[in-house]
């Protein structure tokens, strides 16, 4: 739970900084292989805890100074991470000082609000308020830290003042890698939608992306293969009906026969969409695939 929680907070900060709506909660947040930079807050928290433990033997004075320093520096570190996506840069003291300088005096409202929330939660706790209320207050306090930092970046236009070097022309390998990543994102989002029982919207999400690609046939084949890797093959078999219609429309007989063979091998009761079933029978007859004819007629 913890990695996607902080990953979502960082995406929320980035959305606020760019003036966009909050990102949707979906299965993509739970993937650890992509956007590893977004897990940096976990490292920061581990370092802060380690620092707090290390400073504890030196008395309250040093502990207060340590806590005050963290409150001042942490929002700037998170802001740098959201802007650059570079974990090491977010720990660079010079970069942190430049970020604080770029934000100016309004920057200090972020730690002030955080401390005010801290005192409010402590006061509610002393009154014997239910722990669930103070717990939710602590969660909101953390969310507020990220959203206020993002709002500050937005107000100062810092994200848009970054100097971006002229991009070099991407190689074929880089283009293919980027396309693979984007497709994986779409598939992960669709998985989150379909797993919640909304198959139609999940497929619509995939099809919207597929129609935007220059090679719709290759993209459709990629998503079918990807869906076949899921634990349940039901989504892939339903998507195959859409893919089969596309192949029929473009008179791609060989791929259509292969697709039917794969689906019927996986599920003998699989059938194309109602409007495509006669075409499927004609295709099987044309190529004398008696095995497919028998399965389709049963």
C-alpha atoms as a PDB file:
ATOM      1  CA  UNK A   1       0.000   0.000   0.000  1.00  0.00           C
ATOM      2  CA  UNK A   2       2.761   2.481   0.922  1.00  0.00           C
ATOM      3  CA  UNK A   3       4.600   2.705  -2.469  1.00  0.00           C
ATOM      4  CA  UNK A   4       1.461   3.469  -4.527  1.00  0.00           C
ATOM      5  CA  UNK A   5       0.277   5.894  -1.823  1.00  0.00           C
ATOM      6  CA  UNK A   6       3.382   8.074  -2.091  1.00  0.00           C
ATOM      7  CA  UNK A   7       3.542   7.543  -5.857  1.00  0.00           C
ATOM      8  CA  UNK A   8      -0.001   8.937  -6.110  1.00  0.00           C
ATOM      9  CA  UNK A   9       0.892  11.930  -3.916  1.00  0.00           C
ATOM     10  CA  UNK A  10       3.811  12.739  -6.184  1.00  0.00           C
ATOM     11  CA  UNK A  11       1.623  12.430  -9.288  1.00  0.00           C
ATOM     12  CA  UNK A  12      -0.850  14.727  -7.524  1.00  0.00           C
ATOM     13  CA  UNK A  13       1.902  17.292  -6.892  1.00  0.00           C
ATOM     14  CA  UNK A  14       2.913  17.108 -10.555  1.00  0.00           C
ATOM     15  CA  UNK A  15      -0.702  17.541 -11.688  1.00  0.00           C
ATOM     16  CA  UNK A  16      -1.174  20.602  -9.479  1.00  0.00           C
ATOM     17  CA  UNK A  17       2.081  22.107 -10.778  1.00  0.00           C
ATOM     18  CA  UNK A  18       0.890  21.690 -14.371  1.00  0.00           C
ATOM     19  CA  UNK A  19      -2.667  22.850 -13.711  1.00  0.00           C
ATOM     20  CA  UNK A  20      -4.194  19.456 -14.517  1.00  0.00           C
ATOM     21  CA  UNK A  21      -6.894  17.403 -12.827  1.00  0.00           C
ATOM     22  CA  UNK A  22      -5.880  14.834 -10.211  1.00  0.00           C
ATOM     23  CA  UNK A  23      -4.761  11.532 -11.805  1.00  0.00           C
ATOM     24  CA  UNK A  24      -7.095   8.548 -11.622  1.00  0.00           C
ATOM     25  CA  UNK A  25      -6.476   5.778  -9.116  1.00  0.00           C
ATOM     26  CA  UNK A  26      -5.758   2.650 -11.159  1.00  0.00           C
ATOM     27  CA  UNK A  27      -3.585  -0.460 -11.324  1.00  0.00           C
ATOM     28  CA  UNK A  28      -0.693   1.496 -12.864  1.00  0.00           C
ATOM     29  CA  UNK A  29       0.121   2.961  -9.438  1.00  0.00           C
ATOM     30  CA  UNK A  30       0.991  -0.498  -8.127  1.00  0.00           C
ATOM     31  CA  UNK A  31       3.567  -1.275 -10.840  1.00  0.00           C
ATOM     32  CA  UNK A  32       7.144  -1.017  -9.557  1.00  0.00           C
ATOM     33  CA  UNK A  33       8.938  -1.479 -12.896  1.00  0.00           C
ATOM     34  CA  UNK A  34       8.021   1.898 -14.375  1.00  0.00           C
ATOM     35  CA  UNK A  35       8.610   5.468 -13.100  1.00  0.00           C
ATOM     36  CA  UNK A  36      11.013   4.391 -10.368  1.00  0.00           C
ATOM     37  CA  UNK A  37      11.727   8.080  -9.731  1.00  0.00           C
ATOM     38  CA  UNK A  38       8.240   8.339  -8.198  1.00  0.00           C
ATOM     39  CA  UNK A  39       9.306   6.012  -5.358  1.00  0.00           C
ATOM     40  CA  UNK A  40      11.926   8.528  -4.193  1.00  0.00           C
ATOM     41  CA  UNK A  41       9.709   9.827  -1.317  1.00  0.00           C
ATOM     42  CA  UNK A  42      10.081   6.403   0.301  1.00  0.00           C
ATOM     43  CA  UNK A  43      13.863   6.831   0.244  1.00  0.00           C
ATOM     44  CA  UNK A  44      13.531  10.355   1.637  1.00  0.00           C
ATOM     45  CA  UNK A  45      11.330   9.118   4.487  1.00  0.00           C
ATOM     46  CA  UNK A  46      13.795   6.329   5.279  1.00  0.00           C
ATOM     47  CA  UNK A  47      16.644   8.874   5.397  1.00  0.00           C
ATOM     48  CA  UNK A  48      14.598  11.202   7.609  1.00  0.00           C
ATOM     49  CA  UNK A  49      13.754   8.415  10.055  1.00  0.00           C
ATOM     50  CA  UNK A  50      17.380   7.309  10.147  1.00  0.00           C
ATOM     51  CA  UNK A  51      18.445  10.923  10.768  1.00  0.00           C
ATOM     52  CA  UNK A  52      15.891  11.319  13.560  1.00  0.00           C
ATOM     53  CA  UNK A  53      17.101   8.165  15.278  1.00  0.00           C
ATOM     54  CA  UNK A  54      20.733   9.239  14.917  1.00  0.00           C
ATOM     55  CA  UNK A  55      20.089  12.703  16.400  1.00  0.00           C
ATOM     56  CA  UNK A  56      17.906  11.512  19.308  1.00  0.00           C
ATOM     57  CA  UNK A  57      20.769  10.945  21.814  1.00  0.00           C
ATOM     58  CA  UNK A  58      21.808  14.630  21.565  1.00  0.00           C
ATOM     59  CA  UNK A  59      18.741  16.065  23.295  1.00  0.00           C
ATOM     60  CA  UNK A  60      15.613  18.008  22.426  1.00  0.00           C
ATOM     61  CA  UNK A  61      17.425  21.045  21.106  1.00  0.00           C
ATOM     62  CA  UNK A  62      19.118  19.186  18.306  1.00  0.00           C
ATOM     63  CA  UNK A  63      15.935  17.233  17.582  1.00  0.00           C
ATOM     64  CA  UNK A  64      13.944  20.465  17.221  1.00  0.00           C
ATOM     65  CA  UNK A  65      16.602  21.932  14.920  1.00  0.00           C
ATOM     66  CA  UNK A  66      16.565  18.743  12.835  1.00  0.00           C
ATOM     67  CA  UNK A  67      12.776  18.768  12.553  1.00  0.00           C
ATOM     68  CA  UNK A  68      12.731  22.468  11.629  1.00  0.00           C
ATOM     69  CA  UNK A  69      15.349  21.890   8.903  1.00  0.00           C
ATOM     70  CA  UNK A  70      13.317  19.033   7.431  1.00  0.00           C
ATOM     71  CA  UNK A  71      10.148  21.157   7.347  1.00  0.00           C
ATOM     72  CA  UNK A  72      12.006  23.873   5.438  1.00  0.00           C
ATOM     73  CA  UNK A  73      13.871  21.643   2.970  1.00  0.00           C
ATOM     74  CA  UNK A  74      11.415  18.808   2.233  1.00  0.00           C
ATOM     75  CA  UNK A  75       8.883  20.758   0.091  1.00  0.00           C
ATOM     76  CA  UNK A  76      11.719  22.069  -2.100  1.00  0.00           C
ATOM     77  CA  UNK A  77      13.124  18.560  -2.509  1.00  0.00           C
ATOM     78  CA  UNK A  78       9.718  17.223  -3.548  1.00  0.00           C
ATOM     79  CA  UNK A  79       9.249  20.154  -5.941  1.00  0.00           C
ATOM     80  CA  UNK A  80      12.586  19.413  -7.636  1.00  0.00           C
ATOM     81  CA  UNK A  81      11.622  15.755  -7.971  1.00  0.00           C
ATOM     82  CA  UNK A  82       8.294  16.664  -9.618  1.00  0.00           C
ATOM     83  CA  UNK A  83       9.978  19.069 -12.049  1.00  0.00           C
ATOM     84  CA  UNK A  84      13.067  17.031 -13.001  1.00  0.00           C
ATOM     85  CA  UNK A  85      12.086  13.400 -12.197  1.00  0.00           C
ATOM     86  CA  UNK A  86      15.716  13.110 -11.019  1.00  0.00           C
ATOM     87  CA  UNK A  87      16.074  11.543  -7.528  1.00  0.00           C
ATOM     88  CA  UNK A  88      19.716  12.598  -7.067  1.00  0.00           C
ATOM     89  CA  UNK A  89      18.941  16.170  -8.078  1.00  0.00           C
ATOM     90  CA  UNK A  90      16.177  16.314  -5.449  1.00  0.00           C
ATOM     91  CA  UNK A  91      18.852  15.679  -2.777  1.00  0.00           C
ATOM     92  CA  UNK A  92      21.250  18.303  -4.151  1.00  0.00           C
ATOM     93  CA  UNK A  93      21.591  21.088  -1.506  1.00  0.00           C
ATOM     94  CA  UNK A  94      22.357  23.720  -4.160  1.00  0.00           C
ATOM     95  CA  UNK A  95      19.294  22.754  -6.178  1.00  0.00           C
ATOM     96  CA  UNK A  96      17.146  22.898  -3.031  1.00  0.00           C
ATOM     97  CA  UNK A  97      18.422  26.381  -2.198  1.00  0.00           C
ATOM     98  CA  UNK A  98      17.747  27.544  -5.776  1.00  0.00           C
ATOM     99  CA  UNK A  99      14.208  26.166  -5.609  1.00  0.00           C
ATOM    100  CA  UNK A 100      13.495  27.988  -2.336  1.00  0.00           C
ATOM    101  CA  UNK A 101      14.916  31.190  -3.838  1.00  0.00           C
ATOM    102  CA  UNK A 102      12.786  30.798  -6.976  1.00  0.00           C
ATOM    103  CA  UNK A 103       9.609  30.401  -4.913  1.00  0.00           C
ATOM    104  CA  UNK A 104      10.395  33.347  -2.643  1.00  0.00           C
ATOM    105  CA  UNK A 105       8.595  34.130   0.613  1.00  0.00           C
ATOM    106  CA  UNK A 106       5.349  32.278  -0.319  1.00  0.00           C
ATOM    107  CA  UNK A 107       7.389  29.065  -0.095  1.00  0.00           C
ATOM    108  CA  UNK A 108       7.377  29.260   3.703  1.00  0.00           C
ATOM    109  CA  UNK A 109       3.574  29.056   3.835  1.00  0.00           C
ATOM    110  CA  UNK A 110       3.917  25.337   3.066  1.00  0.00           C
ATOM    111  CA  UNK A 111       5.818  24.435   6.288  1.00  0.00           C
ATOM    112  CA  UNK A 112       3.678  26.916   8.257  1.00  0.00           C
ATOM    113  CA  UNK A 113       0.456  25.191   7.173  1.00  0.00           C
ATOM    114  CA  UNK A 114       2.029  21.796   7.886  1.00  0.00           C
ATOM    115  CA  UNK A 115       2.973  22.859  11.451  1.00  0.00           C
ATOM    116  CA  UNK A 116      -0.480  24.387  12.000  1.00  0.00           C
ATOM    117  CA  UNK A 117      -2.069  21.083  10.983  1.00  0.00           C
ATOM    118  CA  UNK A 118       0.341  19.272  13.316  1.00  0.00           C
ATOM    119  CA  UNK A 119      -0.782  21.382  16.287  1.00  0.00           C
ATOM    120  CA  UNK A 120      -4.458  20.991  15.323  1.00  0.00           C
ATOM    121  CA  UNK A 121      -4.175  17.198  15.179  1.00  0.00           C
ATOM    122  CA  UNK A 122      -2.288  17.163  18.502  1.00  0.00           C
ATOM    123  CA  UNK A 123      -4.995  19.336  20.095  1.00  0.00           C
ATOM    124  CA  UNK A 124      -7.767  17.055  18.826  1.00  0.00           C
ATOM    125  CA  UNK A 125      -5.871  14.041  20.133  1.00  0.00           C
ATOM    126  CA  UNK A 126      -5.561  15.659  23.598  1.00  0.00           C
ATOM    127  CA  UNK A 127      -9.353  16.115  23.639  1.00  0.00           C
ATOM    128  CA  UNK A 128      -9.793  12.360  23.256  1.00  0.00           C
ATOM    129  CA  UNK A 129     -11.212  12.544  19.733  1.00  0.00           C
ATOM    130  CA  UNK A 130     -11.607   9.161  18.036  1.00  0.00           C
ATOM    131  CA  UNK A 131      -8.255   7.936  16.633  1.00  0.00           C
ATOM    132  CA  UNK A 132      -9.838   7.473  13.192  1.00  0.00           C
ATOM    133  CA  UNK A 133     -10.466  11.245  13.021  1.00  0.00           C
ATOM    134  CA  UNK A 134      -6.886  12.173  13.917  1.00  0.00           C
ATOM    135  CA  UNK A 135      -5.623   9.440  11.569  1.00  0.00           C
ATOM    136  CA  UNK A 136      -7.581  10.913   8.668  1.00  0.00           C
ATOM    137  CA  UNK A 137      -6.294  14.332   9.687  1.00  0.00           C
ATOM    138  CA  UNK A 138      -2.706  13.079   9.444  1.00  0.00           C
ATOM    139  CA  UNK A 139      -3.378  11.631   5.982  1.00  0.00           C
ATOM    140  CA  UNK A 140      -4.878  14.940   4.862  1.00  0.00           C
ATOM    141  CA  UNK A 141      -1.871  16.773   6.314  1.00  0.00           C
ATOM    142  CA  UNK A 142       0.429  14.742   4.068  1.00  0.00           C
ATOM    143  CA  UNK A 143      -1.789  15.289   1.020  1.00  0.00           C
ATOM    144  CA  UNK A 144      -1.827  19.015   1.786  1.00  0.00           C
ATOM    145  CA  UNK A 145       1.985  19.107   1.851  1.00  0.00           C
ATOM    146  CA  UNK A 146       2.131  17.741  -1.708  1.00  0.00           C
ATOM    147  CA  UNK A 147      -0.783  19.727  -3.163  1.00  0.00           C
ATOM    148  CA  UNK A 148       0.360  23.042  -1.669  1.00  0.00           C
ATOM    149  CA  UNK A 149       3.850  22.464  -3.054  1.00  0.00           C
ATOM    150  CA  UNK A 150       2.370  21.776  -6.488  1.00  0.00           C
ATOM    151  CA  UNK A 151       0.118  24.836  -6.270  1.00  0.00           C
ATOM    152  CA  UNK A 152       3.147  26.964  -5.363  1.00  0.00           C
ATOM    153  CA  UNK A 153       5.041  25.713  -8.435  1.00  0.00           C
ATOM    154  CA  UNK A 154       2.006  26.495 -10.562  1.00  0.00           C
ATOM    155  CA  UNK A 155       1.669  30.002  -9.114  1.00  0.00           C
ATOM    156  CA  UNK A 156       5.346  30.755  -9.740  1.00  0.00           C
ATOM    157  CA  UNK A 157       5.362  29.136 -13.190  1.00  0.00           C
ATOM    158  CA  UNK A 158       8.504  27.240 -12.261  1.00  0.00           C
ATOM    159  CA  UNK A 159       7.661  24.098 -14.244  1.00  0.00           C
ATOM    160  CA  UNK A 160       7.287  26.162 -17.405  1.00  0.00           C
ATOM    161  CA  UNK A 161      10.464  28.193 -16.870  1.00  0.00           C
ATOM    162  CA  UNK A 162      12.700  25.158 -17.202  1.00  0.00           C
ATOM    163  CA  UNK A 163      15.158  25.310 -20.063  1.00  0.00           C
ATOM    164  CA  UNK A 164      14.654  22.294 -22.314  1.00  0.00           C
ATOM    165  CA  UNK A 165      17.437  21.415 -24.717  1.00  0.00           C
ATOM    166  CA  UNK A 166      16.569  20.806 -28.362  1.00  0.00           C
ATOM    167  CA  UNK A 167      15.778  17.089 -28.629  1.00  0.00           C
ATOM    168  CA  UNK A 168      17.952  14.842 -30.729  1.00  0.00           C
ATOM    169  CA  UNK A 169      16.256  12.752 -33.388  1.00  0.00           C
ATOM    170  CA  UNK A 170      15.193   9.479 -31.763  1.00  0.00           C
ATOM    171  CA  UNK A 171      16.518   6.205 -33.106  1.00  0.00           C
ATOM    172  CA  UNK A 172      14.208   3.420 -34.271  1.00  0.00           C
ATOM    173  CA  UNK A 173      15.002   1.476 -31.094  1.00  0.00           C
ATOM    174  CA  UNK A 174      14.101   4.471 -28.891  1.00  0.00           C
ATOM    175  CA  UNK A 175      10.854   5.063 -30.782  1.00  0.00           C
ATOM    176  CA  UNK A 176       9.912   1.378 -30.434  1.00  0.00           C
ATOM    177  CA  UNK A 177      10.774   1.455 -26.724  1.00  0.00           C
ATOM    178  CA  UNK A 178       8.678   4.569 -26.129  1.00  0.00           C
ATOM    179  CA  UNK A 179       5.741   3.041 -28.020  1.00  0.00           C
ATOM    180  CA  UNK A 180       6.023  -0.126 -25.916  1.00  0.00           C
ATOM    181  CA  UNK A 181       5.928   1.921 -22.702  1.00  0.00           C
ATOM    182  CA  UNK A 182       2.881   3.896 -23.838  1.00  0.00           C
ATOM    183  CA  UNK A 183       1.075   0.722 -24.836  1.00  0.00           C
ATOM    184  CA  UNK A 184       1.899  -0.818 -21.465  1.00  0.00           C
ATOM    185  CA  UNK A 185       0.353   2.215 -19.744  1.00  0.00           C
ATOM    186  CA  UNK A 186      -2.831   1.877 -21.789  1.00  0.00           C
ATOM    187  CA  UNK A 187      -3.003  -1.871 -21.084  1.00  0.00           C
ATOM    188  CA  UNK A 188      -2.459  -1.313 -17.341  1.00  0.00           C
ATOM    189  CA  UNK A 189      -5.176   1.349 -17.227  1.00  0.00           C
ATOM    190  CA  UNK A 190      -7.540  -0.908 -19.164  1.00  0.00           C
ATOM    191  CA  UNK A 191      -6.771  -3.740 -16.750  1.00  0.00           C
ATOM    192  CA  UNK A 192      -7.803  -1.530 -13.842  1.00  0.00           C
ATOM    193  CA  UNK A 193     -11.083  -0.636 -15.563  1.00  0.00           C
ATOM    194  CA  UNK A 194     -11.899  -4.198 -16.708  1.00  0.00           C
ATOM    195  CA  UNK A 195     -11.015  -5.701 -13.323  1.00  0.00           C
ATOM    196  CA  UNK A 196     -13.700  -3.452 -11.818  1.00  0.00           C
ATOM    197  CA  UNK A 197     -16.276  -5.058 -14.123  1.00  0.00           C
ATOM    198  CA  UNK A 198     -16.492  -2.362 -16.802  1.00  0.00           C
ATOM    199  CA  UNK A 199     -15.275  -4.388 -19.794  1.00  0.00           C
ATOM    200  CA  UNK A 200     -16.901  -2.129 -22.397  1.00  0.00           C
ATOM    201  CA  UNK A 201     -15.137   1.022 -21.150  1.00  0.00           C
ATOM    202  CA  UNK A 202     -11.857  -0.862 -20.823  1.00  0.00           C
ATOM    203  CA  UNK A 203     -11.977  -1.996 -24.453  1.00  0.00           C
ATOM    204  CA  UNK A 204     -13.031   1.501 -25.548  1.00  0.00           C
ATOM    205  CA  UNK A 205      -9.913   2.850 -23.804  1.00  0.00           C
ATOM    206  CA  UNK A 206      -7.739   0.402 -25.760  1.00  0.00           C
ATOM    207  CA  UNK A 207      -9.511   1.054 -29.076  1.00  0.00           C
ATOM    208  CA  UNK A 208      -9.153   4.806 -28.724  1.00  0.00           C
ATOM    209  CA  UNK A 209      -5.389   4.341 -28.481  1.00  0.00           C
ATOM    210  CA  UNK A 210      -5.263   1.725 -31.246  1.00  0.00           C
ATOM    211  CA  UNK A 211      -7.068   4.025 -33.688  1.00  0.00           C
ATOM    212  CA  UNK A 212      -4.462   6.731 -33.044  1.00  0.00           C
ATOM    213  CA  UNK A 213      -1.563   4.503 -34.126  1.00  0.00           C
ATOM    214  CA  UNK A 214      -0.332   4.520 -37.724  1.00  0.00           C
ATOM    215  CA  UNK A 215      -0.449   0.694 -37.917  1.00  0.00           C
ATOM    216  CA  UNK A 216      -3.821  -0.254 -36.431  1.00  0.00           C
ATOM    217  CA  UNK A 217      -3.416  -3.929 -37.355  1.00  0.00           C
ATOM    218  CA  UNK A 218      -0.081  -4.303 -35.551  1.00  0.00           C
ATOM    219  CA  UNK A 219      -1.375  -2.376 -32.521  1.00  0.00           C
ATOM    220  CA  UNK A 220      -4.480  -4.581 -32.305  1.00  0.00           C
ATOM    221  CA  UNK A 221      -2.311  -7.705 -32.450  1.00  0.00           C
ATOM    222  CA  UNK A 222      -0.059  -6.323 -29.684  1.00  0.00           C
ATOM    223  CA  UNK A 223      -2.981  -5.660 -27.335  1.00  0.00           C
ATOM    224  CA  UNK A 224      -4.455  -9.107 -28.012  1.00  0.00           C
ATOM    225  CA  UNK A 225      -1.127 -10.727 -27.092  1.00  0.00           C
ATOM    226  CA  UNK A 226      -0.891  -8.526 -24.000  1.00  0.00           C
ATOM    227  CA  UNK A 227      -4.395  -9.454 -22.844  1.00  0.00           C
ATOM    228  CA  UNK A 228      -3.543 -13.126 -23.330  1.00  0.00           C
ATOM    229  CA  UNK A 229      -0.832 -12.748 -20.657  1.00  0.00           C
ATOM    230  CA  UNK A 230      -3.401 -11.809 -18.009  1.00  0.00           C
ATOM    231  CA  UNK A 231      -4.326 -14.429 -15.434  1.00  0.00           C
ATOM    232  CA  UNK A 232      -7.858 -14.662 -16.837  1.00  0.00           C
ATOM    233  CA  UNK A 233      -8.076 -15.002 -20.616  1.00  0.00           C
ATOM    234  CA  UNK A 234     -11.724 -13.863 -20.735  1.00  0.00           C
ATOM    235  CA  UNK A 235     -10.826 -10.255 -21.585  1.00  0.00           C
ATOM    236  CA  UNK A 236      -8.515 -11.399 -24.408  1.00  0.00           C
ATOM    237  CA  UNK A 237     -11.227 -13.630 -25.884  1.00  0.00           C
ATOM    238  CA  UNK A 238     -13.773 -10.820 -25.855  1.00  0.00           C
ATOM    239  CA  UNK A 239     -11.222  -8.429 -27.350  1.00  0.00           C
ATOM    240  CA  UNK A 240     -10.499 -11.044 -30.034  1.00  0.00           C
ATOM    241  CA  UNK A 241     -14.051 -10.547 -31.317  1.00  0.00           C
ATOM    242  CA  UNK A 242     -13.273  -6.859 -31.962  1.00  0.00           C
ATOM    243  CA  UNK A 243      -9.895  -7.711 -33.475  1.00  0.00           C
ATOM    244  CA  UNK A 244     -11.470 -10.383 -35.717  1.00  0.00           C
ATOM    245  CA  UNK A 245     -13.969  -7.841 -37.074  1.00  0.00           C
ATOM    246  CA  UNK A 246     -11.053  -5.554 -37.936  1.00  0.00           C
ATOM    247  CA  UNK A 247      -9.270  -8.372 -39.795  1.00  0.00           C
ATOM    248  CA  UNK A 248     -12.436  -9.252 -41.736  1.00  0.00           C
ATOM    249  CA  UNK A 249     -12.949  -5.602 -42.689  1.00  0.00           C
ATOM    250  CA  UNK A 250      -9.413  -5.448 -44.098  1.00  0.00           C
ATOM    251  CA  UNK A 251      -9.700  -8.895 -45.750  1.00  0.00           C
ATOM    252  CA  UNK A 252      -6.761 -10.269 -43.797  1.00  0.00           C
ATOM    253  CA  UNK A 253      -7.795 -13.930 -44.100  1.00  0.00           C
ATOM    254  CA  UNK A 254      -4.640 -15.608 -42.823  1.00  0.00           C
ATOM    255  CA  UNK A 255      -4.451 -13.575 -39.613  1.00  0.00           C
ATOM    256  CA  UNK A 256      -8.183 -14.076 -39.127  1.00  0.00           C
ATOM    257  CA  UNK A 257      -7.804 -17.861 -39.365  1.00  0.00           C
ATOM    258  CA  UNK A 258      -4.855 -17.801 -36.975  1.00  0.00           C
ATOM    259  CA  UNK A 259      -6.794 -15.665 -34.491  1.00  0.00           C
ATOM    260  CA  UNK A 260      -9.773 -18.043 -34.584  1.00  0.00           C
ATOM    261  CA  UNK A 261      -7.461 -21.018 -34.053  1.00  0.00           C
ATOM    262  CA  UNK A 262      -5.865 -19.427 -30.990  1.00  0.00           C
ATOM    263  CA  UNK A 263      -9.233 -18.482 -29.457  1.00  0.00           C
ATOM    264  CA  UNK A 264     -10.872 -21.873 -30.105  1.00  0.00           C
ATOM    265  CA  UNK A 265      -7.861 -23.663 -28.700  1.00  0.00           C
ATOM    266  CA  UNK A 266      -8.091 -21.556 -25.552  1.00  0.00           C
ATOM    267  CA  UNK A 267     -11.901 -21.752 -25.325  1.00  0.00           C
ATOM    268  CA  UNK A 268     -13.732 -24.255 -27.611  1.00  0.00           C
ATOM    269  CA  UNK A 269     -17.008 -22.339 -27.110  1.00  0.00           C
ATOM    270  CA  UNK A 270     -15.557 -19.045 -28.421  1.00  0.00           C
ATOM    271  CA  UNK A 271     -17.551 -17.385 -31.192  1.00  0.00           C
ATOM    272  CA  UNK A 272     -17.022 -14.212 -33.269  1.00  0.00           C
ATOM    273  CA  UNK A 273     -19.520 -11.371 -32.958  1.00  0.00           C
ATOM    274  CA  UNK A 274     -22.993 -12.267 -34.277  1.00  0.00           C
ATOM    275  CA  UNK A 275     -22.599 -10.200 -37.447  1.00  0.00           C
ATOM    276  CA  UNK A 276     -19.250 -11.868 -38.191  1.00  0.00           C
ATOM    277  CA  UNK A 277     -20.165 -15.538 -37.670  1.00  0.00           C
ATOM    278  CA  UNK A 278     -21.256 -16.275 -41.246  1.00  0.00           C
ATOM    279  CA  UNK A 279     -18.104 -14.587 -42.534  1.00  0.00           C
ATOM    280  CA  UNK A 280     -16.048 -16.759 -40.174  1.00  0.00           C
ATOM    281  CA  UNK A 281     -17.751 -19.916 -41.514  1.00  0.00           C
ATOM    282  CA  UNK A 282     -17.132 -18.806 -45.106  1.00  0.00           C
ATOM    283  CA  UNK A 283     -13.481 -18.150 -44.267  1.00  0.00           C
ATOM    284  CA  UNK A 284     -13.051 -21.598 -42.726  1.00  0.00           C
ATOM    285  CA  UNK A 285     -14.722 -23.202 -45.779  1.00  0.00           C
ATOM    286  CA  UNK A 286     -12.561 -21.217 -48.192  1.00  0.00           C
ATOM    287  CA  UNK A 287      -9.366 -22.529 -46.611  1.00  0.00           C
ATOM    288  CA  UNK A 288     -10.806 -26.002 -45.883  1.00  0.00           C
ATOM    289  CA  UNK A 289     -10.352 -25.687 -42.137  1.00  0.00           C
ATOM    290  CA  UNK A 290     -12.773 -28.414 -41.125  1.00  0.00           C
ATOM    291  CA  UNK A 291     -11.589 -28.216 -37.515  1.00  0.00           C
ATOM    292  CA  UNK A 292     -12.662 -24.582 -37.304  1.00  0.00           C
ATOM    293  CA  UNK A 293     -15.936 -25.286 -39.084  1.00  0.00           C
ATOM    294  CA  UNK A 294     -16.801 -27.991 -36.578  1.00  0.00           C
ATOM    295  CA  UNK A 295     -16.003 -25.768 -33.585  1.00  0.00           C
ATOM    296  CA  UNK A 296     -17.854 -22.755 -34.964  1.00  0.00           C
ATOM    297  CA  UNK A 297     -20.985 -24.781 -35.740  1.00  0.00           C
ATOM    298  CA  UNK A 298     -21.179 -26.483 -32.332  1.00  0.00           C
END
